[in-house]
Amino acid sequence: MIKMKDLTLGYKKEKILKNINLNVKKGEFVGIIGSSGAGKSTLLMSVTGGIKVFDGKFEVLNNDMKGIKKKDLVKLRKQIGIIFQGYYLVDRLSVLDNIVSGMLKDIPLSRALIKHYREKELKKAKELMEIVSIQKHSFKRCDELSGGQRQRVAIARALAANPKIILADEPIAALDQKSAKKVMNILKKVNQELGVTIIGNFHHIDVAQEYCDRILGINKGKIIFDGKGEELTEEILDQIYEDDKSYLSDSDDDN
């Protein structure tokens, strides 16, 4: 689904990621770890085509990302769902309305503005609410929900567009341990039962080890580890984080 070969990426004239070689297959759950500023978010968001390609080969869902046409990029982005740490929901709207907004590519704007949803759209929204266990709050405004509940709404909204890939940018960083576990269990369910490929950035190494099939360790714009969670040794973690020892306390942090 995603292929990178000898890839260098960045912004304007600045090269952030260098000589990246990566092949993500359909149905994988990939976690990215590394210090702040290592290039985790750049690698993640490059899948949407928003990062400049300097050198190498880069394909996403059979699209050549080097020089991709605008119309093809629009089509590609419709197949990618994104979940952010900050949720990015419309607080004054209900859970239902926020989820249906994820179907806007299939719903005319005129109908969306007056909230005139068809039966099939409501049915799909209800199914998604059940997947993320938020159906009891379908008519609540999103600003009345807890952080964990809001993130579950964000997952349902991302799924509303039938994505082939979901990018999760620090999806549990702002959540307590109990809420984080619920969100991660839902992401794993989406990955395993719906077959959606998921790639996420995680501060907590133990979370990545528990839920991800594969972990990428990044340091200074380079992938220096690509393997299973159980293969992460203290020596490898020292190579990924170097002098940044914050990951040691993160594993025991309830936040």
C-alpha atoms as a PDB file:
ATOM      1  CA  MET A   1       0.000   0.000   0.000  1.00  0.00           C
ATOM      2  CA  ILE A   2       2.866   2.356   0.831  1.00  0.00           C
ATOM      3  CA  LYS A   3       6.306   2.049  -0.721  1.00  0.00           C
ATOM      4  CA  MET A   4       9.326   4.248  -0.007  1.00  0.00           C
ATOM      5  CA  LYS A   5      12.721   3.586  -1.552  1.00  0.00           C
ATOM      6  CA  ASP A   6      15.796   5.729  -0.853  1.00  0.00           C
ATOM      7  CA  LEU A   7      13.339   8.512  -0.070  1.00  0.00           C
ATOM      8  CA  THR A   8      14.267  11.991   1.124  1.00  0.00           C
ATOM      9  CA  LEU A   9      11.433  14.275   2.280  1.00  0.00           C
ATOM     10  CA  GLY A  10      11.122  17.732   3.761  1.00  0.00           C
ATOM     11  CA  TYR A  11       9.788  21.270   3.564  1.00  0.00           C
ATOM     12  CA  LYS A  12      10.949  23.886   1.042  1.00  0.00           C
ATOM     13  CA  LYS A  13      14.753  23.469   1.098  1.00  0.00           C
ATOM     14  CA  GLU A  14      15.000  21.622   4.419  1.00  0.00           C
ATOM     15  CA  LYS A  15      15.416  17.845   4.288  1.00  0.00           C
ATOM     16  CA  ILE A  16      13.762  16.205   7.304  1.00  0.00           C
ATOM     17  CA  LEU A  17      13.714  12.487   6.433  1.00  0.00           C
ATOM     18  CA  LYS A  18      16.681  10.934   4.638  1.00  0.00           C
ATOM     19  CA  ASN A  19      17.159   7.668   2.753  1.00  0.00           C
ATOM     20  CA  ILE A  20      13.888   6.153   3.973  1.00  0.00           C
ATOM     21  CA  ASN A  21      13.134   2.591   2.874  1.00  0.00           C
ATOM     22  CA  LEU A  22       9.731   1.316   3.906  1.00  0.00           C
ATOM     23  CA  ASN A  23       7.024  -1.010   2.632  1.00  0.00           C
ATOM     24  CA  VAL A  24       3.685  -1.036   4.470  1.00  0.00           C
ATOM     25  CA  LYS A  25       1.318  -3.837   3.485  1.00  0.00           C
ATOM     26  CA  LYS A  26      -2.471  -3.903   3.565  1.00  0.00           C
ATOM     27  CA  GLY A  27      -3.877  -4.598   7.020  1.00  0.00           C
ATOM     28  CA  GLU A  28      -0.736  -3.772   9.011  1.00  0.00           C
ATOM     29  CA  PHE A  29      -0.816  -1.804  12.262  1.00  0.00           C
ATOM     30  CA  VAL A  30       2.419   0.192  12.317  1.00  0.00           C
ATOM     31  CA  GLY A  31       3.622   2.288  15.252  1.00  0.00           C
ATOM     32  CA  ILE A  32       6.242   5.035  14.995  1.00  0.00           C
ATOM     33  CA  ILE A  33       8.370   5.955  18.021  1.00  0.00           C
ATOM     34  CA  GLY A  34      11.162   8.452  18.599  1.00  0.00           C
ATOM     35  CA  SER A  35      12.023  11.694  20.344  1.00  0.00           C
ATOM     36  CA  SER A  36      10.224  14.951  19.681  1.00  0.00           C
ATOM     37  CA  GLY A  37      11.573  16.442  16.453  1.00  0.00           C
ATOM     38  CA  ALA A  38      12.892  13.114  15.155  1.00  0.00           C
ATOM     39  CA  GLY A  39      10.583  13.222  12.112  1.00  0.00           C
ATOM     40  CA  LYS A  40       7.679  11.029  13.263  1.00  0.00           C
ATOM     41  CA  SER A  41       4.886  13.378  12.194  1.00  0.00           C
ATOM     42  CA  THR A  42       6.657  14.220   8.943  1.00  0.00           C
ATOM     43  CA  LEU A  43       6.832  10.534   8.054  1.00  0.00           C
ATOM     44  CA  LEU A  44       3.204  10.011   9.019  1.00  0.00           C
ATOM     45  CA  MET A  45       1.773  12.996   7.157  1.00  0.00           C
ATOM     46  CA  SER A  46       3.892  12.382   4.059  1.00  0.00           C
ATOM     47  CA  VAL A  47       1.321   9.700   3.202  1.00  0.00           C
ATOM     48  CA  THR A  48      -1.204  12.488   2.490  1.00  0.00           C
ATOM     49  CA  GLY A  49       1.101  14.093  -0.071  1.00  0.00           C
ATOM     50  CA  GLY A  50       1.731  17.242   1.937  1.00  0.00           C
ATOM     51  CA  ILE A  51       5.507  16.814   2.208  1.00  0.00           C
ATOM     52  CA  LYS A  52       8.024  17.667  -0.515  1.00  0.00           C
ATOM     53  CA  VAL A  53       9.809  14.742  -2.186  1.00  0.00           C
ATOM     54  CA  PHE A  54      13.483  15.559  -2.840  1.00  0.00           C
ATOM     55  CA  ASP A  55      14.808  12.187  -3.953  1.00  0.00           C
ATOM     56  CA  GLY A  56      13.799   8.544  -4.226  1.00  0.00           C
ATOM     57  CA  LYS A  57      10.628   6.639  -5.016  1.00  0.00           C
ATOM     58  CA  PHE A  58       7.363   7.054  -3.133  1.00  0.00           C
ATOM     59  CA  GLU A  59       4.053   5.304  -3.807  1.00  0.00           C
ATOM     60  CA  VAL A  60       0.794   5.411  -1.846  1.00  0.00           C
ATOM     61  CA  LEU A  61      -2.095   3.211  -3.029  1.00  0.00           C
ATOM     62  CA  ASN A  62      -0.410   2.881  -6.439  1.00  0.00           C
ATOM     63  CA  ASN A  63      -0.004   6.661  -6.797  1.00  0.00           C
ATOM     64  CA  ASP A  64       3.458   8.027  -7.591  1.00  0.00           C
ATOM     65  CA  MET A  65       3.773  10.800  -5.005  1.00  0.00           C
ATOM     66  CA  LYS A  66       6.581  12.535  -6.843  1.00  0.00           C
ATOM     67  CA  GLY A  67       4.745  14.960  -9.087  1.00  0.00           C
ATOM     68  CA  ILE A  68       1.260  13.603  -8.381  1.00  0.00           C
ATOM     69  CA  LYS A  69      -1.473  15.637 -10.106  1.00  0.00           C
ATOM     70  CA  LYS A  70      -3.819  17.691  -7.958  1.00  0.00           C
ATOM     71  CA  LYS A  71      -6.950  15.761  -9.007  1.00  0.00           C
ATOM     72  CA  ASP A  72      -5.240  12.447  -8.190  1.00  0.00           C
ATOM     73  CA  LEU A  73      -4.109  13.801  -4.826  1.00  0.00           C
ATOM     74  CA  VAL A  74      -7.700  14.776  -4.001  1.00  0.00           C
ATOM     75  CA  LYS A  75      -8.856  11.234  -4.827  1.00  0.00           C
ATOM     76  CA  LEU A  76      -6.047   9.735  -2.753  1.00  0.00           C
ATOM     77  CA  ARG A  77      -6.830  11.841   0.310  1.00  0.00           C
ATOM     78  CA  LYS A  78     -10.429  10.608   0.247  1.00  0.00           C
ATOM     79  CA  GLN A  79      -9.050   7.125   0.923  1.00  0.00           C
ATOM     80  CA  ILE A  80      -7.069   8.245   3.977  1.00  0.00           C
ATOM     81  CA  GLY A  81      -8.570   8.970   7.395  1.00  0.00           C
ATOM     82  CA  ILE A  82      -6.693  11.077   9.944  1.00  0.00           C
ATOM     83  CA  ILE A  83      -7.037  11.096  13.731  1.00  0.00           C
ATOM     84  CA  PHE A  84      -5.352  13.915  15.645  1.00  0.00           C
ATOM     85  CA  GLN A  85      -4.432  14.352  19.291  1.00  0.00           C
ATOM     86  CA  GLY A  86      -6.692  17.440  19.361  1.00  0.00           C
ATOM     87  CA  TYR A  87      -9.737  15.612  17.924  1.00  0.00           C
ATOM     88  CA  TYR A  88     -10.767  18.473  15.536  1.00  0.00           C
ATOM     89  CA  LEU A  89     -14.486  17.959  16.071  1.00  0.00           C
ATOM     90  CA  VAL A  90     -17.172  20.641  15.729  1.00  0.00           C
ATOM     91  CA  ASP A  91     -17.943  21.098  19.426  1.00  0.00           C
ATOM     92  CA  ARG A  92     -21.386  22.671  19.009  1.00  0.00           C
ATOM     93  CA  LEU A  93     -22.605  19.790  16.846  1.00  0.00           C
ATOM     94  CA  SER A  94     -23.829  16.419  18.065  1.00  0.00           C
ATOM     95  CA  VAL A  95     -21.905  13.161  17.921  1.00  0.00           C
ATOM     96  CA  LEU A  96     -24.161  12.056  15.055  1.00  0.00           C
ATOM     97  CA  ASP A  97     -23.595  15.246  13.043  1.00  0.00           C
ATOM     98  CA  ASN A  98     -19.835  15.047  13.489  1.00  0.00           C
ATOM     99  CA  ILE A  99     -19.751  11.452  12.278  1.00  0.00           C
ATOM    100  CA  VAL A 100     -21.973  12.148   9.271  1.00  0.00           C
ATOM    101  CA  SER A 101     -19.642  15.032   8.367  1.00  0.00           C
ATOM    102  CA  GLY A 102     -17.097  12.347   7.528  1.00  0.00           C
ATOM    103  CA  MET A 103     -19.353  11.327   4.637  1.00  0.00           C
ATOM    104  CA  LEU A 104     -19.361  14.790   3.039  1.00  0.00           C
ATOM    105  CA  LYS A 105     -17.713  13.460  -0.099  1.00  0.00           C
ATOM    106  CA  ASP A 106     -20.939  11.484  -0.641  1.00  0.00           C
ATOM    107  CA  ILE A 107     -23.431  14.065   0.689  1.00  0.00           C
ATOM    108  CA  PRO A 108     -24.267  17.323  -1.167  1.00  0.00           C
ATOM    109  CA  LEU A 109     -23.349  20.383   0.905  1.00  0.00           C
ATOM    110  CA  SER A 110     -26.922  21.710   0.681  1.00  0.00           C
ATOM    111  CA  ARG A 111     -28.267  18.605   2.464  1.00  0.00           C
ATOM    112  CA  ALA A 112     -25.449  18.588   4.997  1.00  0.00           C
ATOM    113  CA  LEU A 113     -26.112  22.205   6.015  1.00  0.00           C
ATOM    114  CA  ILE A 114     -29.748  21.505   6.874  1.00  0.00           C
ATOM    115  CA  LYS A 115     -28.879  18.102   8.373  1.00  0.00           C
ATOM    116  CA  HIS A 116     -31.129  16.288   5.930  1.00  0.00           C
ATOM    117  CA  TYR A 117     -29.609  12.831   6.093  1.00  0.00           C
ATOM    118  CA  ARG A 118     -30.850   9.817   4.191  1.00  0.00           C
ATOM    119  CA  GLU A 119     -31.690   6.539   5.881  1.00  0.00           C
ATOM    120  CA  LYS A 120     -28.539   4.813   4.575  1.00  0.00           C
ATOM    121  CA  GLU A 121     -26.381   7.634   5.970  1.00  0.00           C
ATOM    122  CA  LEU A 122     -28.030   7.429   9.379  1.00  0.00           C
ATOM    123  CA  LYS A 123     -27.727   3.641   9.335  1.00  0.00           C
ATOM    124  CA  LYS A 124     -24.019   3.856   8.591  1.00  0.00           C
ATOM    125  CA  ALA A 125     -23.490   6.472  11.313  1.00  0.00           C
ATOM    126  CA  LYS A 126     -25.259   4.239  13.848  1.00  0.00           C
ATOM    127  CA  GLU A 127     -23.110   1.269  12.837  1.00  0.00           C
ATOM    128  CA  LEU A 128     -19.969   3.355  13.329  1.00  0.00           C
ATOM    129  CA  MET A 129     -21.165   4.581  16.722  1.00  0.00           C
ATOM    130  CA  GLU A 130     -21.597   0.962  17.780  1.00  0.00           C
ATOM    131  CA  ILE A 131     -18.081   0.088  16.593  1.00  0.00           C
ATOM    132  CA  VAL A 132     -16.586   2.809  18.799  1.00  0.00           C
ATOM    133  CA  SER A 133     -19.127   2.303  21.627  1.00  0.00           C
ATOM    134  CA  ILE A 134     -20.479   5.859  21.622  1.00  0.00           C
ATOM    135  CA  GLN A 135     -24.108   5.175  20.572  1.00  0.00           C
ATOM    136  CA  LYS A 136     -25.501   6.204  23.983  1.00  0.00           C
ATOM    137  CA  HIS A 137     -24.306   9.747  23.340  1.00  0.00           C
ATOM    138  CA  SER A 138     -25.403  10.137  19.702  1.00  0.00           C
ATOM    139  CA  PHE A 139     -27.352  13.369  20.287  1.00  0.00           C
ATOM    140  CA  LYS A 140     -24.969  14.948  22.797  1.00  0.00           C
ATOM    141  CA  ARG A 141     -22.908  17.948  21.764  1.00  0.00           C
ATOM    142  CA  CYS A 142     -19.258  17.021  21.445  1.00  0.00           C
ATOM    143  CA  ASP A 143     -18.193  19.657  23.958  1.00  0.00           C
ATOM    144  CA  GLU A 144     -20.158  17.685  26.579  1.00  0.00           C
ATOM    145  CA  LEU A 145     -17.995  14.585  26.121  1.00  0.00           C
ATOM    146  CA  SER A 146     -14.798  13.446  27.846  1.00  0.00           C
ATOM    147  CA  GLY A 147     -11.503  13.365  25.973  1.00  0.00           C
ATOM    148  CA  GLY A 148     -11.682   9.624  25.415  1.00  0.00           C
ATOM    149  CA  GLN A 149     -15.248   9.853  24.112  1.00  0.00           C
ATOM    150  CA  ARG A 150     -14.283  12.683  21.757  1.00  0.00           C
ATOM    151  CA  GLN A 151     -11.427  10.629  20.343  1.00  0.00           C
ATOM    152  CA  ARG A 152     -13.817   7.731  19.729  1.00  0.00           C
ATOM    153  CA  VAL A 153     -16.093  10.102  17.803  1.00  0.00           C
ATOM    154  CA  ALA A 154     -13.055  11.191  15.776  1.00  0.00           C
ATOM    155  CA  ILE A 155     -12.324   7.549  14.904  1.00  0.00           C
ATOM    156  CA  ALA A 156     -15.936   6.998  13.798  1.00  0.00           C
ATOM    157  CA  ARG A 157     -15.807  10.157  11.687  1.00  0.00           C
ATOM    158  CA  ALA A 158     -12.603   8.971  10.016  1.00  0.00           C
ATOM    159  CA  LEU A 159     -14.229   5.600   9.279  1.00  0.00           C
ATOM    160  CA  ALA A 160     -17.283   7.292   7.746  1.00  0.00           C
ATOM    161  CA  ALA A 161     -15.327   7.927   4.548  1.00  0.00           C
ATOM    162  CA  ASN A 162     -14.448   4.207   4.164  1.00  0.00           C
ATOM    163  CA  PRO A 163     -10.679   4.806   4.305  1.00  0.00           C
ATOM    164  CA  LYS A 164      -8.127   2.231   3.276  1.00  0.00           C
ATOM    165  CA  ILE A 165      -5.549   3.843   5.563  1.00  0.00           C
ATOM    166  CA  ILE A 166      -5.911   5.625   8.907  1.00  0.00           C
ATOM    167  CA  LEU A 167      -3.136   7.906  10.154  1.00  0.00           C
ATOM    168  CA  ALA A 168      -3.193   8.421  13.932  1.00  0.00           C
ATOM    169  CA  ASP A 169      -1.048  11.348  15.089  1.00  0.00           C
ATOM    170  CA  GLU A 170      -0.508  10.894  18.855  1.00  0.00           C
ATOM    171  CA  PRO A 171      -4.123   9.668  19.302  1.00  0.00           C
ATOM    172  CA  ILE A 172      -3.853   8.982  23.050  1.00  0.00           C
ATOM    173  CA  ALA A 173      -1.299  11.566  24.192  1.00  0.00           C
ATOM    174  CA  ALA A 174      -3.941  13.708  25.935  1.00  0.00           C
ATOM    175  CA  LEU A 175      -5.874  10.820  27.508  1.00  0.00           C
ATOM    176  CA  ASP A 176      -5.741   9.106  30.890  1.00  0.00           C
ATOM    177  CA  GLN A 177      -4.689   5.458  30.973  1.00  0.00           C
ATOM    178  CA  LYS A 178      -8.229   4.022  31.044  1.00  0.00           C
ATOM    179  CA  SER A 179      -9.457   6.171  28.143  1.00  0.00           C
ATOM    180  CA  ALA A 180      -6.271   5.501  26.183  1.00  0.00           C
ATOM    181  CA  LYS A 181      -6.790   1.755  26.493  1.00  0.00           C
ATOM    182  CA  LYS A 182     -10.368   2.038  25.190  1.00  0.00           C
ATOM    183  CA  VAL A 183      -9.211   4.067  22.194  1.00  0.00           C
ATOM    184  CA  MET A 184      -6.378   1.653  21.404  1.00  0.00           C
ATOM    185  CA  ASN A 185      -8.707  -1.348  21.687  1.00  0.00           C
ATOM    186  CA  ILE A 186     -11.039   0.298  19.181  1.00  0.00           C
ATOM    187  CA  LEU A 187      -8.192   1.049  16.767  1.00  0.00           C
ATOM    188  CA  LYS A 188      -7.067  -2.578  16.993  1.00  0.00           C
ATOM    189  CA  LYS A 189     -10.646  -3.713  16.348  1.00  0.00           C
ATOM    190  CA  VAL A 190     -10.865  -1.456  13.288  1.00  0.00           C
ATOM    191  CA  ASN A 191      -7.564  -2.842  12.050  1.00  0.00           C
ATOM    192  CA  GLN A 192      -8.395  -6.511  12.591  1.00  0.00           C
ATOM    193  CA  GLU A 193     -12.113  -6.640  11.806  1.00  0.00           C
ATOM    194  CA  LEU A 194     -12.392  -4.006   9.071  1.00  0.00           C
ATOM    195  CA  GLY A 195      -8.949  -4.589   7.568  1.00  0.00           C
ATOM    196  CA  VAL A 196      -7.973  -0.910   7.685  1.00  0.00           C
ATOM    197  CA  THR A 197      -4.235  -0.249   7.587  1.00  0.00           C
ATOM    198  CA  ILE A 198      -3.259   1.931  10.560  1.00  0.00           C
ATOM    199  CA  ILE A 199      -0.078   3.933  11.038  1.00  0.00           C
ATOM    200  CA  GLY A 200       0.340   5.897  14.252  1.00  0.00           C
ATOM    201  CA  ASN A 201       2.805   7.950  16.274  1.00  0.00           C
ATOM    202  CA  PHE A 202       3.089   6.982  19.930  1.00  0.00           C
ATOM    203  CA  HIS A 203       4.939   8.444  22.924  1.00  0.00           C
ATOM    204  CA  HIS A 204       4.336   5.323  24.982  1.00  0.00           C
ATOM    205  CA  ILE A 205       6.572   2.466  23.878  1.00  0.00           C
ATOM    206  CA  ASP A 206       4.587  -0.121  25.825  1.00  0.00           C
ATOM    207  CA  VAL A 207       1.415   0.878  23.944  1.00  0.00           C
ATOM    208  CA  ALA A 208       3.146   0.475  20.582  1.00  0.00           C
ATOM    209  CA  GLN A 209       4.504  -2.906  21.673  1.00  0.00           C
ATOM    210  CA  GLU A 210       1.097  -4.135  22.819  1.00  0.00           C
ATOM    211  CA  TYR A 211      -1.008  -3.040  19.848  1.00  0.00           C
ATOM    212  CA  CYS A 212       1.221  -2.695  16.796  1.00  0.00           C
ATOM    213  CA  ASP A 213       2.290  -5.523  14.489  1.00  0.00           C
ATOM    214  CA  ARG A 214       5.396  -3.558  13.654  1.00  0.00           C
ATOM    215  CA  ILE A 215       7.339  -0.650  15.104  1.00  0.00           C
ATOM    216  CA  LEU A 216       9.487   1.955  13.365  1.00  0.00           C
ATOM    217  CA  GLY A 217      12.099   3.761  15.462  1.00  0.00           C
ATOM    218  CA  ILE A 218      13.202   7.149  14.109  1.00  0.00           C
ATOM    219  CA  ASN A 219      16.181   9.274  15.098  1.00  0.00           C
ATOM    220  CA  LYS A 220      17.267  12.472  13.332  1.00  0.00           C
ATOM    221  CA  GLY A 221      15.185  11.776  10.247  1.00  0.00           C
ATOM    222  CA  LYS A 222      16.297   8.188   9.728  1.00  0.00           C
ATOM    223  CA  ILE A 223      14.590   4.868  10.420  1.00  0.00           C
ATOM    224  CA  ILE A 224      17.039   2.982  12.611  1.00  0.00           C
ATOM    225  CA  PHE A 225      14.674   0.226  13.736  1.00  0.00           C
ATOM    226  CA  ASP A 226      11.975  -1.657  11.827  1.00  0.00           C
ATOM    227  CA  GLY A 227      10.658  -4.765  13.534  1.00  0.00           C
ATOM    228  CA  LYS A 228       8.354  -6.326  16.104  1.00  0.00           C
ATOM    229  CA  GLY A 229       7.838  -4.890  19.559  1.00  0.00           C
ATOM    230  CA  GLU A 230       9.512  -7.788  21.322  1.00  0.00           C
ATOM    231  CA  GLU A 231      12.686  -7.098  19.338  1.00  0.00           C
ATOM    232  CA  LEU A 232      13.111  -3.680  20.987  1.00  0.00           C
ATOM    233  CA  THR A 233      16.048  -3.998  23.361  1.00  0.00           C
ATOM    234  CA  GLU A 234      17.437  -1.399  25.749  1.00  0.00           C
ATOM    235  CA  GLU A 235      20.385  -0.956  23.393  1.00  0.00           C
ATOM    236  CA  ILE A 236      18.098  -0.260  20.422  1.00  0.00           C
ATOM    237  CA  LEU A 237      15.989   2.172  22.461  1.00  0.00           C
ATOM    238  CA  ASP A 238      19.170   4.044  23.433  1.00  0.00           C
ATOM    239  CA  GLN A 239      19.988   4.352  19.721  1.00  0.00           C
ATOM    240  CA  ILE A 240      16.505   5.680  18.967  1.00  0.00           C
ATOM    241  CA  TYR A 241      16.305   8.156  21.858  1.00  0.00           C
ATOM    242  CA  GLU A 242      20.006   8.826  22.614  1.00  0.00           C
ATOM    243  CA  ASP A 243      20.147  11.397  25.441  1.00  0.00           C
ATOM    244  CA  ASP A 244      16.367  11.751  25.648  1.00  0.00           C
ATOM    245  CA  LYS A 245      15.403   9.468  28.535  1.00  0.00           C
ATOM    246  CA  SER A 246      11.811  10.715  28.811  1.00  0.00           C
ATOM    247  CA  TYR A 247      10.592   7.462  27.282  1.00  0.00           C
ATOM    248  CA  LEU A 248      11.624   5.662  30.487  1.00  0.00           C
ATOM    249  CA  SER A 249       9.073   7.595  32.559  1.00  0.00           C
ATOM    250  CA  ASP A 250       6.452   7.576  29.778  1.00  0.00           C
ATOM    251  CA  SER A 251       6.047   3.824  30.116  1.00  0.00           C
ATOM    252  CA  ASP A 252       4.962   4.246  33.739  1.00  0.00           C
ATOM    253  CA  ASP A 253       2.930   7.412  33.203  1.00  0.00           C
ATOM    254  CA  ASP A 254      -0.844   7.126  33.568  1.00  0.00           C
ATOM    255  CA  ASN A 255      -1.470  10.145  31.359  1.00  0.00           C
END
